[in-house]
């Protein structure tokens, strides 16, 4: 995918007290929750949801692997931009690149591998066509960008 096509989707996330440790620094695992929210909203911008895909297509989207690099700490009351962009799509999986930024400052970045599984037996299953189109940015206009 070219850089001109794969523009990251971004949601705003405010850091609350519950996200931090005693020093007011965001606990490392909370970044994974922030990234999950961004992936969920990334799907919603195209009119898709994990719950609807489970109901209508009998598929589940499961995190297969995560690699996160922590660069700088986020702190209590920071407003973060959490991004999501698909960087590769294969038959039954896709990889997203995600960042957490404070303004222009990169705080952490992640690579998330998502597997598409059959809801009945949890075996790998080809991505539904509408999800594959969204992930490869073909013929699907975004409805909103939070």
N, C-alpha and C. Protein backbone atom coordinates (compact mmCIF):
# COMPACT_ATOMS: atom_id res chain seq x y z
N UNK A 1 0.85 -1.19 0.00
CA UNK A 1 0.00 0.00 0.00
C UNK A 1 0.88 1.24 0.00
N UNK A 2 0.51 2.24 -0.75
CA UNK A 2 1.26 3.47 -0.77
C UNK A 2 0.92 4.35 0.41
N UNK A 3 1.86 5.20 0.79
CA UNK A 3 1.62 6.11 1.92
C UNK A 3 0.47 7.07 1.66
N UNK A 4 0.22 7.37 0.39
CA UNK A 4 -0.87 8.29 0.07
C UNK A 4 -2.24 7.65 0.29
N UNK A 5 -2.31 6.33 0.30
CA UNK A 5 -3.59 5.64 0.50
C UNK A 5 -3.79 5.28 1.97
N UNK A 6 -2.76 4.78 2.63
CA UNK A 6 -2.88 4.24 3.98
C UNK A 6 -2.71 5.32 5.04
N UNK A 7 -3.68 6.19 5.12
CA UNK A 7 -3.65 7.22 6.15
C UNK A 7 -4.22 6.66 7.44
N UNK A 8 -3.50 6.82 8.55
CA UNK A 8 -3.99 6.24 9.80
C UNK A 8 -5.30 6.88 10.27
N UNK A 9 -6.15 6.05 10.77
CA UNK A 9 -7.36 6.45 11.45
C UNK A 9 -6.94 6.82 12.87
N UNK A 10 -7.58 7.81 13.48
CA UNK A 10 -7.18 8.27 14.81
C UNK A 10 -8.40 8.52 15.69
N UNK A 11 -8.31 8.07 16.95
CA UNK A 11 -9.29 8.45 17.95
C UNK A 11 -8.58 9.21 19.06
N UNK A 12 -9.31 10.07 19.72
CA UNK A 12 -8.77 10.78 20.88
C UNK A 12 -9.09 9.99 22.14
N UNK A 13 -8.08 9.85 22.98
CA UNK A 13 -8.23 9.15 24.25
C UNK A 13 -7.64 10.04 25.34
N UNK A 14 -8.45 10.34 26.34
CA UNK A 14 -7.98 11.10 27.51
C UNK A 14 -7.45 10.11 28.54
N UNK A 15 -6.32 10.41 29.14
CA UNK A 15 -5.74 9.55 30.18
C UNK A 15 -6.40 9.90 31.51
N UNK A 16 -7.06 8.90 32.09
CA UNK A 16 -7.72 9.06 33.38
C UNK A 16 -6.88 8.46 34.49
N UNK A 17 -7.25 8.76 35.70
CA UNK A 17 -6.55 8.26 36.87
C UNK A 17 -6.47 6.73 36.83
N UNK A 18 -7.54 6.07 36.41
CA UNK A 18 -7.57 4.61 36.36
C UNK A 18 -6.55 4.02 35.39
N UNK A 19 -6.03 4.84 34.48
CA UNK A 19 -5.06 4.38 33.48
C UNK A 19 -3.62 4.45 33.98
N UNK A 20 -3.42 5.05 35.15
CA UNK A 20 -2.06 5.37 35.59
C UNK A 20 -1.64 4.59 36.83
N UNK A 21 -0.34 4.62 37.07
CA UNK A 21 0.21 4.05 38.29
C UNK A 21 0.30 5.15 39.35
N UNK A 22 0.92 4.86 40.47
CA UNK A 22 0.99 5.82 41.58
C UNK A 22 1.75 7.09 41.21
N UNK A 23 2.60 7.02 40.19
CA UNK A 23 3.36 8.20 39.77
C UNK A 23 2.63 9.03 38.71
N UNK A 24 1.41 8.60 38.34
CA UNK A 24 0.65 9.34 37.33
C UNK A 24 1.06 9.03 35.91
N UNK A 25 1.80 7.94 35.72
CA UNK A 25 2.25 7.51 34.39
C UNK A 25 1.34 6.38 33.91
N UNK A 26 1.00 6.39 32.63
CA UNK A 26 0.12 5.36 32.09
C UNK A 26 0.79 3.99 32.24
N UNK A 27 0.03 3.07 32.82
CA UNK A 27 0.45 1.69 32.99
C UNK A 27 0.60 1.06 31.61
N UNK A 28 1.65 0.30 31.40
CA UNK A 28 1.99 -0.18 30.05
C UNK A 28 0.87 -0.96 29.38
N UNK A 29 0.12 -1.76 30.11
CA UNK A 29 -0.94 -2.57 29.50
C UNK A 29 -2.13 -1.72 29.03
N UNK A 30 -2.29 -0.54 29.57
CA UNK A 30 -3.41 0.32 29.16
C UNK A 30 -3.28 0.74 27.70
N UNK A 31 -2.05 0.84 27.19
CA UNK A 31 -1.88 1.17 25.78
C UNK A 31 -2.57 0.14 24.89
N UNK A 32 -2.54 -1.13 25.32
CA UNK A 32 -3.22 -2.17 24.54
C UNK A 32 -4.73 -1.93 24.50
N UNK A 33 -5.29 -1.49 25.63
CA UNK A 33 -6.73 -1.16 25.65
C UNK A 33 -7.02 0.04 24.76
N UNK A 34 -6.15 1.05 24.78
CA UNK A 34 -6.34 2.21 23.90
C UNK A 34 -6.31 1.78 22.43
N UNK A 35 -5.38 0.88 22.10
CA UNK A 35 -5.27 0.40 20.72
C UNK A 35 -6.49 -0.43 20.32
N UNK A 36 -7.02 -1.21 21.26
CA UNK A 36 -8.24 -1.99 20.98
C UNK A 36 -9.40 -1.05 20.64
N UNK A 37 -9.54 0.02 21.39
CA UNK A 37 -10.60 1.00 21.09
C UNK A 37 -10.43 1.57 19.70
N UNK A 38 -9.19 1.91 19.33
CA UNK A 38 -8.94 2.48 18.00
C UNK A 38 -9.28 1.48 16.90
N UNK A 39 -8.93 0.19 17.09
CA UNK A 39 -9.28 -0.81 16.08
C UNK A 39 -10.79 -0.96 15.95
N UNK A 40 -11.49 -0.93 17.07
CA UNK A 40 -12.95 -1.04 17.05
C UNK A 40 -13.56 0.12 16.29
N UNK A 41 -13.11 1.33 16.56
CA UNK A 41 -13.65 2.51 15.87
C UNK A 41 -13.19 2.57 14.42
N UNK A 42 -12.01 2.04 14.12
CA UNK A 42 -11.53 1.95 12.75
C UNK A 42 -12.52 1.12 11.92
N UNK A 43 -12.97 -0.02 12.48
CA UNK A 43 -13.98 -0.82 11.79
C UNK A 43 -15.30 -0.06 11.64
N UNK A 44 -15.71 0.60 12.71
CA UNK A 44 -17.00 1.32 12.70
C UNK A 44 -17.06 2.41 11.64
N UNK A 45 -15.93 3.04 11.35
CA UNK A 45 -15.95 4.10 10.33
C UNK A 45 -16.40 3.58 8.98
N UNK A 46 -16.26 2.27 8.79
CA UNK A 46 -16.68 1.64 7.53
C UNK A 46 -18.01 0.91 7.66
N UNK A 47 -18.69 1.12 8.78
CA UNK A 47 -19.98 0.48 8.99
C UNK A 47 -19.88 -0.97 9.44
N UNK A 48 -18.74 -1.38 9.94
CA UNK A 48 -18.54 -2.75 10.41
C UNK A 48 -18.34 -2.77 11.92
N UNK A 49 -18.63 -3.91 12.53
CA UNK A 49 -18.31 -4.10 13.94
C UNK A 49 -17.97 -5.57 14.16
N UNK A 50 -17.15 -5.82 15.14
CA UNK A 50 -16.78 -7.20 15.46
C UNK A 50 -18.03 -8.00 15.86
N UNK A 51 -18.92 -7.38 16.61
CA UNK A 51 -20.15 -8.07 17.03
C UNK A 51 -21.02 -8.43 15.83
N UNK A 52 -21.16 -7.53 14.89
CA UNK A 52 -21.98 -7.80 13.70
C UNK A 52 -21.33 -8.86 12.82
N UNK A 53 -20.00 -8.83 12.69
CA UNK A 53 -19.32 -9.86 11.91
C UNK A 53 -19.51 -11.24 12.55
N UNK A 54 -19.53 -11.29 13.87
CA UNK A 54 -19.76 -12.56 14.57
C UNK A 54 -21.17 -13.07 14.29
N UNK A 55 -22.15 -12.14 14.31
CA UNK A 55 -23.54 -12.53 14.07
C UNK A 55 -23.80 -12.90 12.61
N UNK A 56 -23.42 -12.03 11.72
CA UNK A 56 -23.79 -12.21 10.32
C UNK A 56 -22.87 -13.15 9.54
N UNK A 57 -21.60 -13.15 9.86
CA UNK A 57 -20.63 -13.97 9.11
C UNK A 57 -20.10 -15.15 9.92
N UNK A 58 -20.45 -15.21 11.19
CA UNK A 58 -19.95 -16.26 12.09
C UNK A 58 -18.42 -16.31 12.13
N UNK A 59 -17.83 -15.11 12.18
CA UNK A 59 -16.37 -15.01 12.32
C UNK A 59 -16.02 -14.18 13.54
N UNK A 60 -14.89 -14.50 14.11
CA UNK A 60 -14.34 -13.75 15.24
C UNK A 60 -13.00 -13.17 14.83
N UNK A 61 -12.71 -11.98 15.33
CA UNK A 61 -11.41 -11.36 15.09
C UNK A 61 -10.62 -11.47 16.38
N UNK A 62 -9.53 -12.21 16.33
CA UNK A 62 -8.73 -12.47 17.53
C UNK A 62 -7.32 -11.92 17.35
N UNK A 63 -6.82 -11.29 18.40
CA UNK A 63 -5.43 -10.84 18.38
C UNK A 63 -4.55 -12.08 18.45
N UNK A 64 -3.69 -12.23 17.46
CA UNK A 64 -2.78 -13.37 17.39
C UNK A 64 -1.42 -13.05 17.99
N UNK A 65 -0.96 -11.83 17.74
CA UNK A 65 0.30 -11.40 18.33
C UNK A 65 0.34 -9.88 18.42
N UNK A 66 1.14 -9.42 19.36
CA UNK A 66 1.29 -7.98 19.60
C UNK A 66 2.77 -7.69 19.82
N UNK A 67 3.25 -6.66 19.18
CA UNK A 67 4.58 -6.15 19.46
C UNK A 67 4.43 -4.66 19.73
N UNK A 68 4.83 -4.24 20.91
CA UNK A 68 4.70 -2.83 21.28
C UNK A 68 6.07 -2.29 21.70
N UNK A 69 6.39 -1.12 21.20
CA UNK A 69 7.61 -0.40 21.58
C UNK A 69 7.19 0.85 22.33
N UNK A 70 7.65 0.96 23.56
CA UNK A 70 7.33 2.13 24.40
C UNK A 70 8.47 3.13 24.29
N UNK A 71 8.13 4.36 23.95
CA UNK A 71 9.16 5.38 23.71
C UNK A 71 9.18 6.46 24.80
N UNK A 72 8.00 6.98 25.12
CA UNK A 72 7.89 8.06 26.11
C UNK A 72 6.63 7.80 26.92
N UNK A 73 6.59 8.25 28.17
CA UNK A 73 5.40 8.00 28.99
C UNK A 73 4.27 8.99 28.72
N UNK A 74 3.05 8.47 28.73
CA UNK A 74 1.87 9.33 28.78
C UNK A 74 1.55 9.53 30.25
N UNK A 75 0.91 10.65 30.56
CA UNK A 75 0.65 10.99 31.95
C UNK A 75 -0.82 11.35 32.17
N UNK A 76 -1.19 11.37 33.41
CA UNK A 76 -2.54 11.72 33.81
C UNK A 76 -3.00 12.99 33.10
N UNK A 77 -4.19 12.93 32.51
CA UNK A 77 -4.88 14.04 31.84
C UNK A 77 -4.36 14.35 30.43
N UNK A 78 -3.36 13.62 29.95
CA UNK A 78 -2.91 13.81 28.57
C UNK A 78 -4.05 13.46 27.61
N UNK A 79 -4.08 14.14 26.48
CA UNK A 79 -4.99 13.79 25.40
C UNK A 79 -4.15 13.13 24.32
N UNK A 80 -4.48 11.88 24.03
CA UNK A 80 -3.70 11.10 23.08
C UNK A 80 -4.47 10.90 21.78
N UNK A 81 -3.73 10.76 20.71
CA UNK A 81 -4.27 10.32 19.43
C UNK A 81 -3.79 8.88 19.27
N UNK A 82 -4.74 7.95 19.15
CA UNK A 82 -4.39 6.54 18.98
C UNK A 82 -4.82 6.15 17.57
N UNK A 83 -3.85 5.71 16.78
CA UNK A 83 -4.09 5.46 15.37
C UNK A 83 -4.23 3.97 15.07
N UNK A 84 -4.79 3.68 13.92
CA UNK A 84 -4.87 2.32 13.40
C UNK A 84 -4.85 2.39 11.88
N UNK A 85 -4.00 1.59 11.28
CA UNK A 85 -3.96 1.48 9.82
C UNK A 85 -3.54 0.05 9.47
N UNK A 86 -4.26 -0.53 8.53
CA UNK A 86 -3.91 -1.87 8.05
C UNK A 86 -2.68 -1.76 7.18
N UNK A 87 -1.70 -2.63 7.43
CA UNK A 87 -0.48 -2.61 6.64
C UNK A 87 -0.31 -3.87 5.80
N UNK A 88 -1.05 -4.93 6.14
CA UNK A 88 -1.05 -6.10 5.27
C UNK A 88 -2.30 -6.93 5.53
N UNK A 89 -2.74 -7.58 4.47
CA UNK A 89 -3.92 -8.45 4.54
C UNK A 89 -3.56 -9.74 3.83
N UNK A 90 -3.81 -10.84 4.52
CA UNK A 90 -3.61 -12.16 3.96
C UNK A 90 -4.95 -12.88 4.03
N UNK A 91 -5.06 -14.06 3.54
CA UNK A 91 -6.34 -14.77 3.47
C UNK A 91 -7.16 -14.75 4.75
N UNK A 92 -6.60 -15.18 5.86
CA UNK A 92 -7.34 -15.28 7.11
C UNK A 92 -6.77 -14.38 8.19
N UNK A 93 -5.99 -13.37 7.79
CA UNK A 93 -5.40 -12.49 8.80
C UNK A 93 -5.08 -11.13 8.22
N UNK A 94 -4.82 -10.22 9.12
CA UNK A 94 -4.38 -8.89 8.73
C UNK A 94 -3.48 -8.34 9.83
N UNK A 95 -2.65 -7.40 9.46
CA UNK A 95 -1.74 -6.75 10.40
C UNK A 95 -2.04 -5.27 10.39
N UNK A 96 -2.14 -4.71 11.59
CA UNK A 96 -2.35 -3.28 11.74
C UNK A 96 -1.15 -2.66 12.43
N UNK A 97 -0.84 -1.44 12.05
CA UNK A 97 0.17 -0.65 12.73
C UNK A 97 -0.58 0.40 13.54
N UNK A 98 -0.21 0.54 14.80
CA UNK A 98 -0.89 1.49 15.66
C UNK A 98 0.11 2.33 16.44
N UNK A 99 -0.22 3.61 16.59
CA UNK A 99 0.60 4.54 17.36
C UNK A 99 -0.25 5.20 18.44
N UNK A 100 0.41 5.57 19.52
CA UNK A 100 -0.17 6.46 20.53
C UNK A 100 0.69 7.70 20.53
N UNK A 101 0.06 8.84 20.26
CA UNK A 101 0.79 10.09 20.17
C UNK A 101 0.20 11.12 21.12
N UNK A 102 1.06 12.00 21.61
CA UNK A 102 0.63 13.19 22.35
C UNK A 102 1.06 14.35 21.46
N UNK A 103 0.09 14.94 20.78
CA UNK A 103 0.44 15.92 19.75
C UNK A 103 1.21 15.22 18.65
N UNK A 104 2.39 15.70 18.34
CA UNK A 104 3.26 15.08 17.33
C UNK A 104 4.24 14.09 17.95
N UNK A 105 4.26 13.99 19.27
CA UNK A 105 5.24 13.15 19.96
C UNK A 105 4.78 11.69 20.02
N UNK A 106 5.58 10.79 19.46
CA UNK A 106 5.28 9.36 19.47
C UNK A 106 5.59 8.79 20.85
N UNK A 107 4.57 8.24 21.51
CA UNK A 107 4.75 7.65 22.84
C UNK A 107 4.97 6.15 22.76
N UNK A 108 4.19 5.48 21.92
CA UNK A 108 4.40 4.05 21.70
C UNK A 108 3.84 3.68 20.35
N UNK A 109 4.36 2.57 19.83
CA UNK A 109 3.87 2.06 18.56
C UNK A 109 3.73 0.56 18.65
N UNK A 110 2.75 0.05 17.92
CA UNK A 110 2.49 -1.37 17.99
C UNK A 110 2.20 -1.98 16.65
N UNK A 111 2.50 -3.25 16.56
CA UNK A 111 2.14 -4.07 15.40
C UNK A 111 1.21 -5.16 15.95
N UNK A 112 -0.02 -5.19 15.44
CA UNK A 112 -1.03 -6.11 15.92
C UNK A 112 -1.42 -7.05 14.78
N UNK A 113 -1.22 -8.34 14.99
CA UNK A 113 -1.65 -9.34 14.01
C UNK A 113 -3.00 -9.88 14.45
N UNK A 114 -3.97 -9.80 13.55
CA UNK A 114 -5.34 -10.22 13.81
C UNK A 114 -5.64 -11.45 12.97
N UNK A 115 -6.17 -12.48 13.61
CA UNK A 115 -6.59 -13.69 12.91
C UNK A 115 -8.11 -13.70 12.80
N UNK A 116 -8.60 -14.14 11.67
CA UNK A 116 -10.03 -14.33 11.47
C UNK A 116 -10.32 -15.80 11.74
N UNK A 117 -11.24 -16.05 12.69
CA UNK A 117 -11.55 -17.41 13.12
C UNK A 117 -13.02 -17.73 12.92
N UNK A 118 -13.31 -18.98 12.62
CA UNK A 118 -14.68 -19.45 12.58
C UNK A 118 -15.24 -19.42 13.99
N UNK A 119 -16.42 -18.83 14.15
CA UNK A 119 -17.02 -18.68 15.48
C UNK A 119 -17.39 -20.02 16.11
N UNK A 120 -17.57 -21.04 15.32
CA UNK A 120 -17.97 -22.34 15.85
C UNK A 120 -16.82 -23.19 16.35
N UNK A 121 -15.75 -23.28 15.55
CA UNK A 121 -14.66 -24.19 15.91
C UNK A 121 -13.31 -23.48 16.13
N UNK A 122 -13.29 -22.17 16.02
CA UNK A 122 -12.09 -21.36 16.25
C UNK A 122 -10.93 -21.69 15.30
N UNK A 123 -11.25 -22.23 14.15
CA UNK A 123 -10.24 -22.50 13.14
C UNK A 123 -10.09 -21.27 12.25
N UNK A 124 -8.91 -21.05 11.67
CA UNK A 124 -8.73 -19.91 10.76
C UNK A 124 -9.73 -19.96 9.62
N UNK A 125 -10.21 -18.79 9.26
CA UNK A 125 -11.20 -18.68 8.19
C UNK A 125 -10.89 -17.42 7.39
N UNK A 126 -11.11 -17.49 6.11
CA UNK A 126 -10.85 -16.35 5.23
C UNK A 126 -11.60 -15.11 5.72
N UNK A 127 -10.96 -13.96 5.62
CA UNK A 127 -11.62 -12.70 5.98
C UNK A 127 -12.86 -12.51 5.13
N UNK A 128 -13.98 -12.08 5.73
CA UNK A 128 -15.15 -11.77 4.92
C UNK A 128 -14.80 -10.69 3.88
N UNK A 129 -15.40 -10.75 2.70
CA UNK A 129 -15.04 -9.81 1.63
C UNK A 129 -15.13 -8.34 2.05
N UNK A 130 -16.17 -7.98 2.82
CA UNK A 130 -16.29 -6.57 3.21
C UNK A 130 -15.16 -6.13 4.13
N UNK A 131 -14.67 -7.03 4.97
CA UNK A 131 -13.54 -6.71 5.84
C UNK A 131 -12.25 -6.65 5.05
N UNK A 132 -12.06 -7.55 4.12
CA UNK A 132 -10.87 -7.54 3.28
C UNK A 132 -10.81 -6.26 2.45
N UNK A 133 -11.97 -5.81 1.93
CA UNK A 133 -12.00 -4.56 1.15
C UNK A 133 -11.63 -3.37 2.03
N UNK A 134 -12.18 -3.32 3.22
CA UNK A 134 -11.88 -2.23 4.15
C UNK A 134 -10.39 -2.21 4.47
N UNK A 135 -9.84 -3.36 4.79
CA UNK A 135 -8.45 -3.44 5.20
C UNK A 135 -7.49 -3.10 4.06
N UNK A 136 -7.92 -3.29 2.82
CA UNK A 136 -7.06 -2.95 1.68
C UNK A 136 -7.47 -1.63 1.02
N UNK A 137 -8.44 -0.94 1.60
CA UNK A 137 -8.87 0.38 1.14
C UNK A 137 -9.39 0.38 -0.29
N UNK A 138 -10.16 -0.65 -0.65
CA UNK A 138 -10.70 -0.67 -2.00
C UNK A 138 -12.21 -0.46 -1.98
N UNK A 139 -12.65 0.54 -2.67
CA UNK A 139 -14.07 0.80 -2.89
C UNK A 139 -14.90 1.05 -1.63
N UNK A 140 -14.29 1.44 -0.54
CA UNK A 140 -15.03 1.69 0.70
C UNK A 140 -14.70 3.09 1.19
N UNK A 141 -15.62 4.03 1.08
CA UNK A 141 -15.35 5.36 1.62
C UNK A 141 -15.52 5.38 3.14
N UNK A 142 -14.63 6.07 3.82
CA UNK A 142 -14.77 6.23 5.27
C UNK A 142 -15.92 7.17 5.56
N UNK A 143 -16.71 6.85 6.59
CA UNK A 143 -17.85 7.69 6.96
C UNK A 143 -17.44 8.78 7.96
N UNK A 144 -16.44 8.47 8.78
CA UNK A 144 -16.03 9.47 9.77
C UNK A 144 -14.63 9.13 10.27
N UNK A 145 -13.99 10.10 10.82
CA UNK A 145 -12.69 9.92 11.44
C UNK A 145 -12.72 10.68 12.76
N UNK A 146 -12.73 9.96 13.84
CA UNK A 146 -12.89 10.58 15.16
C UNK A 146 -11.64 11.33 15.53
